[in-house]
Amino acid sequence: MGMLLVPFFDTLALVVDLYFKIVVVEIVLFWLLHFQIINITNQYAQKFMDILKMLTEPVYKKIRAKVPPFADFDASPFILLLGLFFVARLIAVLREMVL
């Protein structure tokens, strides 16, 4: 029975890892745009940022409902990264327990 769950845990770990990378790319792109390393009028960067926001904003809204921004600093991306890290570790532990 346990061996049947391994592909499930592997797929779940892949999804969590992919979403972690999406959040990291969004953070880096935001800072590049903020410090004007990439021009805000760059249509490709803006379109890419819109896609990333579409993927992450629903989760950020839920985090912001619990932890509002303080001193104009939005910690929701970092809280999300921390949560994703813990979920990834939990998946890894559960996968090892199944084996």
Protein backbone atom coordinates (compact mmCIF):
# COMPACT_ATOMS: atom_id res chain seq x y z
CA MET A 1 0.00 0.00 0.00
CA GLY A 2 2.81 2.39 0.86
CA MET A 3 4.52 2.06 -2.48
CA LEU A 4 1.34 3.25 -4.19
CA LEU A 5 1.60 6.58 -2.35
CA VAL A 6 5.17 7.34 -3.47
CA PRO A 7 4.14 8.73 -6.90
CA PHE A 8 1.48 10.85 -5.17
CA PHE A 9 4.06 12.33 -2.80
CA ASP A 10 6.51 12.86 -5.67
CA THR A 11 3.88 14.72 -7.70
CA LEU A 12 2.86 16.80 -4.69
CA ALA A 13 6.51 17.65 -3.99
CA LEU A 14 6.97 18.70 -7.61
CA VAL A 15 3.95 21.03 -7.46
CA VAL A 16 5.14 22.61 -4.19
CA ASP A 17 8.65 23.05 -5.60
CA LEU A 18 7.31 24.65 -8.78
CA TYR A 19 5.13 27.08 -6.82
CA PHE A 20 8.11 27.92 -4.56
CA LYS A 21 10.13 28.83 -7.66
CA ILE A 22 7.27 30.92 -9.05
CA VAL A 23 7.16 32.96 -5.84
CA VAL A 24 10.96 33.44 -5.84
CA VAL A 25 10.93 34.59 -9.48
CA GLU A 26 8.11 37.02 -8.71
CA ILE A 27 10.03 38.49 -5.75
CA VAL A 28 13.19 38.92 -7.82
CA LEU A 29 11.30 40.45 -10.75
CA PHE A 30 9.47 42.82 -8.40
CA TRP A 31 12.75 44.09 -6.97
CA LEU A 32 14.31 44.42 -10.42
CA LEU A 33 11.33 46.53 -11.49
CA HIS A 34 11.31 48.47 -8.21
CA PHE A 35 14.97 49.47 -8.50
CA GLN A 36 14.50 50.16 -12.23
CA ILE A 37 17.04 47.58 -13.33
CA ILE A 38 14.32 46.43 -15.68
CA ASN A 39 12.23 49.21 -17.15
CA ILE A 40 8.58 49.19 -16.10
CA THR A 41 7.56 49.92 -19.69
CA ASN A 42 9.16 46.68 -20.87
CA GLN A 43 6.11 44.86 -22.21
CA TYR A 44 7.61 41.40 -21.72
CA ALA A 45 8.54 42.02 -18.10
CA GLN A 46 5.13 43.55 -17.42
CA LYS A 47 3.27 40.63 -19.04
CA PHE A 48 5.41 38.11 -17.16
CA MET A 49 4.76 39.97 -13.90
CA ASP A 50 1.01 39.93 -14.61
CA ILE A 51 1.10 36.16 -15.08
CA LEU A 52 3.07 35.69 -11.86
CA LYS A 53 0.66 37.94 -9.95
CA MET A 54 -2.28 35.97 -11.29
CA LEU A 55 -0.70 32.81 -9.86
CA THR A 56 0.31 34.21 -6.46
CA GLU A 57 -2.08 37.03 -5.56
CA PRO A 58 -4.94 34.78 -4.31
CA VAL A 59 -2.62 33.19 -1.75
CA TYR A 60 -1.12 36.56 -0.79
CA LYS A 61 -4.63 37.92 -0.12
CA LYS A 62 -5.32 35.10 2.32
CA ILE A 63 -2.02 35.71 4.11
CA ARG A 64 -2.59 39.49 4.20
CA ALA A 65 -5.97 38.89 5.84
CA LYS A 66 -4.14 37.26 8.76
CA VAL A 67 -0.89 39.29 8.72
CA PRO A 68 -1.39 42.82 7.39
CA PRO A 69 1.56 44.78 5.98
CA PHE A 70 3.51 46.69 8.61
CA ALA A 71 5.53 49.85 7.97
CA ASP A 72 4.80 49.55 4.22
CA PHE A 73 6.46 46.14 4.16
CA ASP A 74 4.42 43.25 2.80
CA ALA A 75 5.73 40.05 4.36
CA SER A 76 3.22 37.78 2.63
CA PRO A 77 5.65 36.47 -0.05
CA PHE A 78 8.19 35.54 2.61
CA ILE A 79 5.55 33.93 4.82
CA LEU A 80 4.38 31.96 1.79
CA LEU A 81 7.95 30.83 1.04
CA LEU A 82 8.39 29.72 4.63
CA GLY A 83 5.11 27.82 4.53
CA LEU A 84 6.02 26.15 1.24
CA PHE A 85 9.38 25.14 2.68
CA PHE A 86 7.71 23.47 5.65
CA VAL A 87 5.17 21.72 3.40
CA ALA A 88 8.00 20.44 1.19
CA ARG A 89 9.83 19.06 4.23
CA LEU A 90 6.64 17.46 5.50
CA ILE A 91 6.08 15.76 2.13
CA ALA A 92 9.65 14.49 2.16
CA VAL A 93 9.25 13.05 5.65
CA LEU A 94 5.93 11.43 4.81
CA ARG A 95 7.42 9.92 1.66
CA GLU A 96 10.27 8.42 3.66
CA MET A 97 7.84 7.02 6.23
CA VAL A 98 5.89 5.28 3.47
CA LEU A 99 8.99 3.56 2.10
